[in-house]
Amino acid sequence: MRRFRFGLDPYLGLLRQQQSAAESTLMELRDREATLRSSSDRLVAKRDESFAVETSQRLAAGEDLAALDRWRSRLSDQAVQCRQEAEEVLKPIAEAQRSLSVIQRRVKLVERLRESQLTAHQKRVDRQVDTEAAELFLSQHRRDFA
C-alpha cells in the first residue's frame, strides 16, 4: 500500500510560518508597549522625586522654582506622551492577537484534518493487511487439503 501523503502539508507549513511571524510581531508590540509604559513610569517617578527634593532642600529662589516647575511640567508632558503612545500600541496589539488566533484556528483545523485522514489511511492499510493475511492463510490451507 502507498505511504500516507497529505496534500495540504505545504499549506500547513505556510500556516505555521505565518503563526510564527504573527507571534513574533505580537511579542514585539507587547515589548514596545511595556517599554513605553515603563518610560512613563520612570518619568513620573523622577518628577515625584523632584517634589521630595524640593521640600527637603526648601528652595527659596524664584528662578530656581520656576525652572524646576518647567522641568516638572516637561517631565509630565513626556510621561503623558509615552502613555498615549502606549495606548496607541494597544490597537495593533489587539489586531495582532486577532490575526494570530485566526491563524491558530486554521492550523488546528488543518492538523485535525490531517489526523483524520491519517487515521482513515491507517484503517485502510490495516484492512488491506488483514485481507492479505486471510488470503494467504486460506491459500496455504487449500494446498494442505488438496
Protein backbone atom coordinates (compact mmCIF):
# COMPACT_ATOMS: atom_id res chain seq x y z
CA MET A 1 0.00 0.00 0.00
CA ARG A 2 1.10 3.52 -0.64
CA ARG A 3 2.65 5.70 2.01
CA PHE A 4 0.41 8.36 3.55
CA ARG A 5 0.64 11.71 1.78
CA PHE A 6 -1.32 14.71 3.00
CA GLY A 7 -1.97 17.15 0.16
CA LEU A 8 -2.20 20.16 2.45
CA ASP A 9 1.24 19.72 4.07
CA PRO A 10 2.69 22.68 2.12
CA TYR A 11 -0.24 24.83 3.24
CA LEU A 12 0.21 23.64 6.82
CA GLY A 13 3.88 24.61 6.65
CA LEU A 14 2.93 28.05 5.35
CA LEU A 15 0.38 28.46 8.14
CA ARG A 16 2.99 27.54 10.74
CA GLN A 17 5.36 30.15 9.29
CA GLN A 18 2.60 32.74 9.43
CA GLN A 19 1.85 31.73 13.01
CA SER A 20 5.48 32.14 13.99
CA ALA A 21 5.66 35.55 12.31
CA ALA A 22 2.43 36.68 13.97
CA GLU A 23 3.69 35.53 17.38
CA SER A 24 6.94 37.44 16.98
CA THR A 25 5.07 40.57 15.82
CA LEU A 26 2.79 40.34 18.84
CA MET A 27 5.76 39.94 21.17
CA GLU A 28 7.46 42.98 19.63
CA LEU A 29 4.32 45.08 20.06
CA ARG A 30 3.91 43.98 23.66
CA ASP A 31 7.56 44.77 24.35
CA ARG A 32 7.10 48.22 22.81
CA GLU A 33 4.06 48.87 24.99
CA ALA A 34 5.90 47.70 28.11
CA THR A 35 8.87 49.91 27.25
CA LEU A 36 6.64 52.95 26.77
CA ARG A 37 4.78 52.31 30.00
CA SER A 38 7.99 51.86 31.97
CA SER A 39 9.40 55.06 30.45
CA SER A 40 6.27 56.89 31.51
CA ASP A 41 6.51 55.43 35.00
CA ARG A 42 10.19 56.44 35.26
CA LEU A 43 9.38 60.00 34.19
CA VAL A 44 6.56 60.25 36.72
CA ALA A 45 8.82 58.83 39.44
CA LYS A 46 11.54 61.33 38.53
CA ARG A 47 9.02 64.18 38.70
CA ASP A 48 7.69 62.97 42.05
CA GLU A 49 11.22 62.61 43.32
CA SER A 50 11.87 66.25 42.48
CA PHE A 51 8.98 67.23 44.76
CA ALA A 52 10.63 65.37 47.62
CA VAL A 53 13.98 67.03 46.91
CA GLU A 54 12.35 70.46 46.82
CA THR A 55 10.65 70.03 50.16
CA SER A 56 13.79 68.64 51.78
CA GLN A 57 16.03 71.42 50.48
CA ARG A 58 13.46 74.22 50.81
CA LEU A 59 14.44 76.04 47.65
CA ALA A 60 13.75 79.73 48.05
CA ALA A 61 14.92 81.39 44.86
CA GLY A 62 12.08 82.26 42.49
CA GLU A 63 14.12 81.50 39.36
CA ASP A 64 15.02 78.07 40.70
CA LEU A 65 11.40 77.36 41.47
CA ALA A 66 10.29 78.49 38.01
CA ALA A 67 12.96 76.35 36.29
CA LEU A 68 12.05 73.39 38.47
CA ASP A 69 8.37 73.88 37.64
CA ARG A 70 9.12 73.99 33.89
CA TRP A 71 11.25 70.85 34.20
CA ARG A 72 8.47 69.05 36.08
CA SER A 73 5.94 70.19 33.50
CA ARG A 74 8.14 68.86 30.70
CA LEU A 75 8.54 65.54 32.53
CA SER A 76 4.77 65.33 32.98
CA ASP A 77 4.23 66.09 29.29
CA GLN A 78 6.75 63.43 28.29
CA ALA A 79 5.11 60.92 30.63
CA VAL A 80 1.69 61.67 29.14
CA GLN A 81 3.12 61.33 25.63
CA CYS A 82 4.66 57.95 26.50
CA ARG A 83 1.32 56.80 27.94
CA GLN A 84 -0.51 57.95 24.81
CA GLU A 85 1.96 56.10 22.58
CA ALA A 86 1.50 53.02 24.74
CA GLU A 87 -2.28 53.33 24.35
CA GLU A 88 -1.86 53.70 20.58
CA VAL A 89 0.08 50.44 20.51
CA LEU A 90 -2.88 48.64 22.10
CA LYS A 91 -4.91 48.69 18.87
CA PRO A 92 -2.18 46.99 16.78
CA ILE A 93 -1.72 44.51 19.65
CA ALA A 94 -5.43 43.64 19.53
CA GLU A 95 -5.26 43.27 15.73
CA ALA A 96 -2.17 41.07 16.01
CA GLN A 97 -3.92 38.91 18.63
CA ARG A 98 -6.95 38.50 16.38
CA SER A 99 -4.76 37.64 13.42
CA LEU A 100 -2.81 35.15 15.48
CA SER A 101 -5.97 33.49 16.78
CA VAL A 102 -7.31 33.12 13.22
CA ILE A 103 -4.05 31.55 12.10
CA GLN A 104 -4.00 29.25 15.13
CA ARG A 105 -7.55 28.10 14.38
CA ARG A 106 -6.59 27.35 10.79
CA VAL A 107 -3.53 25.40 11.90
CA LYS A 108 -5.65 23.36 14.32
CA LEU A 109 -8.27 22.66 11.65
CA VAL A 110 -5.72 21.54 9.09
CA GLU A 111 -3.94 19.43 11.71
CA ARG A 112 -7.24 17.78 12.69
CA LEU A 113 -7.98 17.14 9.01
CA ARG A 114 -4.51 15.63 8.61
CA GLU A 115 -5.03 13.41 11.67
CA SER A 116 -8.44 12.21 10.45
CA GLN A 117 -7.05 11.43 7.01
CA LEU A 118 -4.06 9.66 8.55
CA THR A 119 -6.42 7.60 10.73
CA ALA A 120 -8.54 6.69 7.70
CA HIS A 121 -5.40 5.76 5.75
CA GLN A 122 -4.18 3.63 8.66
CA LYS A 123 -7.53 1.82 8.80
CA ARG A 124 -7.36 1.11 5.06
CA VAL A 125 -3.81 -0.22 5.45
CA ASP A 126 -4.89 -2.40 8.38
CA ARG A 127 -7.86 -3.75 6.41
CA GLN A 128 -5.64 -4.50 3.43
CA VAL A 129 -3.09 -6.27 5.62
CA ASP A 130 -5.88 -8.30 7.26
CA THR A 131 -7.32 -9.20 3.85
CA GLU A 132 -3.92 -10.26 2.51
CA ALA A 133 -3.21 -12.27 5.67
CA ALA A 134 -6.58 -14.02 5.37
CA GLU A 135 -5.99 -14.78 1.69
CA LEU A 136 -2.52 -16.12 2.46
CA PHE A 137 -3.90 -18.28 5.24
CA LEU A 138 -6.66 -19.65 3.04
CA SER A 139 -4.30 -20.34 0.14
CA GLN A 140 -1.97 -22.31 2.43
CA HIS A 141 -4.87 -24.35 3.80
CA ARG A 142 -6.15 -25.12 0.32
CA ARG A 143 -2.79 -26.60 -0.61
CA ASP A 144 -2.78 -28.66 2.58
CA PHE A 145 -6.21 -30.13 1.78
CA ALA A 146 -5.67 -30.61 -1.91
